[in-house]
Amino acid sequence: MVELIEDYFKLGKRTKERFELSNRELSRHLYYCLIYAISSLYSNRKMDTGNLSPAERISQDFGQLVLDNYTKEKNVAFYASKLGITAAYLSTIVKQTTGRTCMEIISNMVIMDAKAQLKSTNLPIYQIADSLNFNNVSFFGKYFKRYVGVSPQEYRNSKSDD
C-alpha cells in the first residue's frame, strides 16, 4: 500500500510538470483517486479470501478496519477488539504479514489524509484536526510534526507535494 501512495505522489509531480494545474487542484484530485484506489484494493482483496492464511486474513481485516475508522480511532486495542483478539496478538500478526507495526499503518493513513487536506483545501488547521478526531489543534500539530518533521502550517506553506 505504501508503494501505491508513493506512486500517486510521483504521478502528481509528473502531472504538475506537464499541465498547468495548481497544487491545491492537483492534490484534491489525486487525494480522491488515492482514497478510491485504496478502497478498491481492499474491496477486491476481500472477495478473494479463500487463499489467505488465517494471519493474512486478520491483517487484511485490520487494514479494512483502519481504512474505515482511522479518522475516529487511532488505538490498536480498538481494532483488536473489533477482530476479537488481543492487541498484542494483532500487533504480532500484522508485523509478521506486512513488515509494519499496527501504529505505523494507522499513522500513515492519518498523516496521508492530513497532508492531502492541508494541500488540497483551505480549511483551517483546527478543522482538519477536528476531522481527524484530534482533541485539540496542539496535539494534532505535535502528532503531525513527529511523523512529517514540520508543523502542519509549514507543510501547507511548502512548495513540495510529498
Protein backbone atom coordinates (compact mmCIF):
# COMPACT_ATOMS: atom_id res chain seq x y z
CA MET A 1 0.00 0.00 0.00
CA VAL A 2 2.90 2.35 0.73
CA GLU A 3 4.09 1.82 -2.86
CA LEU A 4 0.63 2.80 -4.11
CA ILE A 5 0.74 6.03 -2.12
CA GLU A 6 4.26 6.82 -3.36
CA ASP A 7 3.15 6.17 -6.96
CA TYR A 8 0.32 8.68 -6.57
CA PHE A 9 2.70 11.35 -5.30
CA LYS A 10 5.07 10.67 -8.22
CA LEU A 11 2.13 10.86 -10.62
CA GLY A 12 1.19 14.20 -9.10
CA LYS A 13 4.66 15.62 -9.67
CA ARG A 14 4.74 14.41 -13.30
CA THR A 15 1.22 15.71 -13.98
CA LYS A 16 2.02 19.10 -12.49
CA GLU A 17 5.05 19.40 -14.77
CA ARG A 18 3.02 18.60 -17.91
CA PHE A 19 -0.17 20.52 -17.21
CA GLU A 20 -0.87 23.87 -15.67
CA LEU A 21 -2.69 22.81 -12.52
CA SER A 22 -2.42 24.49 -9.17
CA ASN A 23 -1.02 22.48 -6.25
CA ARG A 24 -4.38 22.51 -4.48
CA GLU A 25 -6.38 21.45 -7.54
CA LEU A 26 -3.97 18.65 -8.37
CA SER A 27 -3.73 17.50 -4.76
CA ARG A 28 -7.50 17.42 -4.41
CA HIS A 29 -7.94 15.23 -7.49
CA LEU A 30 -5.12 12.89 -6.51
CA TYR A 31 -6.46 12.63 -2.97
CA TYR A 32 -9.85 11.43 -4.22
CA CYS A 33 -8.21 9.00 -6.65
CA LEU A 34 -5.95 7.62 -3.93
CA ILE A 35 -8.78 7.07 -1.47
CA TYR A 36 -10.77 5.35 -4.21
CA ALA A 37 -7.79 3.17 -5.15
CA ILE A 38 -7.17 2.13 -1.55
CA SER A 39 -10.85 1.33 -1.06
CA SER A 40 -10.89 -0.70 -4.27
CA LEU A 41 -7.72 -2.51 -3.27
CA TYR A 42 -9.28 -3.66 -0.01
CA SER A 43 -12.65 -4.44 -1.62
CA ASN A 44 -11.02 -6.61 -4.28
CA ARG A 45 -8.89 -8.41 -1.72
CA LYS A 46 -11.90 -9.01 0.46
CA MET A 47 -13.54 -11.03 -2.31
CA ASP A 48 -10.57 -13.38 -2.70
CA THR A 49 -10.02 -14.59 0.85
CA GLY A 50 -10.00 -18.29 0.02
CA ASN A 51 -6.24 -18.44 -0.46
CA LEU A 52 -5.33 -16.37 2.58
CA SER A 53 -3.82 -17.86 5.69
CA PRO A 54 -5.57 -17.01 8.97
CA ALA A 55 -2.82 -14.47 9.74
CA GLU A 56 -3.19 -12.83 6.32
CA ARG A 57 -6.95 -12.69 6.77
CA ILE A 58 -6.51 -10.93 10.13
CA SER A 59 -4.11 -8.43 8.55
CA GLN A 60 -6.49 -7.80 5.68
CA ASP A 61 -9.42 -7.31 8.04
CA PHE A 62 -7.27 -4.97 10.14
CA GLY A 63 -6.41 -2.94 7.04
CA GLN A 64 -10.07 -2.61 6.11
CA LEU A 65 -10.97 -1.58 9.66
CA VAL A 66 -8.21 1.06 9.60
CA LEU A 67 -9.48 2.39 6.29
CA ASP A 68 -13.00 2.61 7.71
CA ASN A 69 -12.08 4.02 11.15
CA TYR A 70 -8.71 5.85 11.14
CA THR A 71 -10.37 9.23 11.43
CA LYS A 72 -12.08 8.15 14.65
CA GLU A 73 -9.80 5.53 16.21
CA LYS A 74 -6.02 5.54 16.48
CA ASN A 75 -5.74 2.93 19.24
CA VAL A 76 -4.63 -0.63 18.38
CA ALA A 77 -6.84 -2.00 21.17
CA PHE A 78 -9.95 -0.74 19.35
CA TYR A 79 -9.05 -2.69 16.20
CA ALA A 80 -8.08 -5.80 18.16
CA SER A 81 -11.41 -5.69 19.98
CA LYS A 82 -13.29 -5.44 16.68
CA LEU A 83 -11.40 -8.52 15.46
CA GLY A 84 -11.96 -10.42 18.71
CA ILE A 85 -8.26 -10.79 19.52
CA THR A 86 -5.78 -9.14 21.86
CA ALA A 87 -3.82 -6.06 20.85
CA ALA A 88 -0.55 -7.96 21.36
CA TYR A 89 -1.66 -10.78 19.04
CA LEU A 90 -2.88 -8.32 16.40
CA SER A 91 0.42 -6.45 16.57
CA THR A 92 2.40 -9.67 16.13
CA ILE A 93 0.30 -10.88 13.19
CA VAL A 94 0.34 -7.55 11.38
CA LYS A 95 4.11 -7.17 11.83
CA GLN A 96 4.68 -10.72 10.53
CA THR A 97 2.47 -10.34 7.47
CA THR A 98 3.16 -6.73 6.48
CA GLY A 99 6.53 -5.87 7.96
CA ARG A 100 4.93 -2.81 9.58
CA THR A 101 3.51 -2.21 13.02
CA CYS A 102 -0.18 -1.52 13.57
CA MET A 103 0.65 2.01 14.67
CA GLU A 104 2.68 2.63 11.51
CA ILE A 105 -0.28 1.62 9.38
CA ILE A 106 -2.76 3.71 11.36
CA SER A 107 -0.42 6.72 11.48
CA ASN A 108 0.34 6.51 7.75
CA MET A 109 -3.37 6.74 6.95
CA VAL A 110 -3.87 9.67 9.34
CA ILE A 111 -0.84 11.54 8.01
CA MET A 112 -1.73 10.84 4.37
CA ASP A 113 -5.21 12.27 4.95
CA ALA A 114 -3.83 15.27 6.87
CA LYS A 115 -1.31 16.03 4.11
CA ALA A 116 -3.97 15.79 1.43
CA GLN A 117 -6.31 18.11 3.32
CA LEU A 118 -3.52 20.60 4.02
CA LYS A 119 -2.53 20.75 0.35
CA SER A 120 -5.94 20.46 -1.30
CA THR A 121 -8.24 22.51 0.92
CA ASN A 122 -8.28 25.90 2.57
CA LEU A 123 -9.74 24.50 5.78
CA PRO A 124 -8.26 25.99 8.93
CA ILE A 125 -5.85 23.59 10.62
CA TYR A 126 -8.14 23.29 13.64
CA GLN A 127 -10.90 21.94 11.34
CA ILE A 128 -8.54 19.40 9.81
CA ALA A 129 -7.52 18.34 13.31
CA ASP A 130 -11.19 18.00 14.22
CA SER A 131 -11.97 15.98 11.07
CA LEU A 132 -9.26 13.52 12.12
CA ASN A 133 -10.67 13.39 15.65
CA PHE A 134 -7.80 15.05 17.50
CA ASN A 135 -8.81 16.54 20.84
CA ASN A 136 -7.14 19.84 20.04
CA VAL A 137 -5.04 21.52 17.39
CA SER A 138 -1.96 21.47 19.61
CA PHE A 139 -1.96 17.68 19.86
CA PHE A 140 -2.57 17.41 16.11
CA GLY A 141 0.39 19.71 15.47
CA LYS A 142 2.70 17.64 17.66
CA TYR A 143 1.47 14.37 16.10
CA PHE A 144 1.94 15.74 12.57
CA LYS A 145 5.40 17.12 13.31
CA ARG A 146 6.51 13.81 14.86
CA TYR A 147 5.78 11.95 11.61
CA VAL A 148 6.43 14.61 8.97
CA GLY A 149 9.15 16.71 10.57
CA VAL A 150 7.43 20.06 10.12
CA SER A 151 4.30 21.67 11.54
CA PRO A 152 1.02 21.46 9.61
CA GLN A 153 1.30 25.15 8.70
CA GLU A 154 4.87 24.74 7.47
CA TYR A 155 3.78 21.74 5.40
CA ARG A 156 0.86 23.66 3.91
CA ASN A 157 3.15 26.56 3.00
CA SER A 158 5.82 24.34 1.46
CA LYS A 159 6.16 24.07 -2.30
CA SER A 160 6.71 20.30 -2.36
CA ASP A 161 3.88 17.81 -2.87
CA ASP A 162 5.30 14.95 -0.77
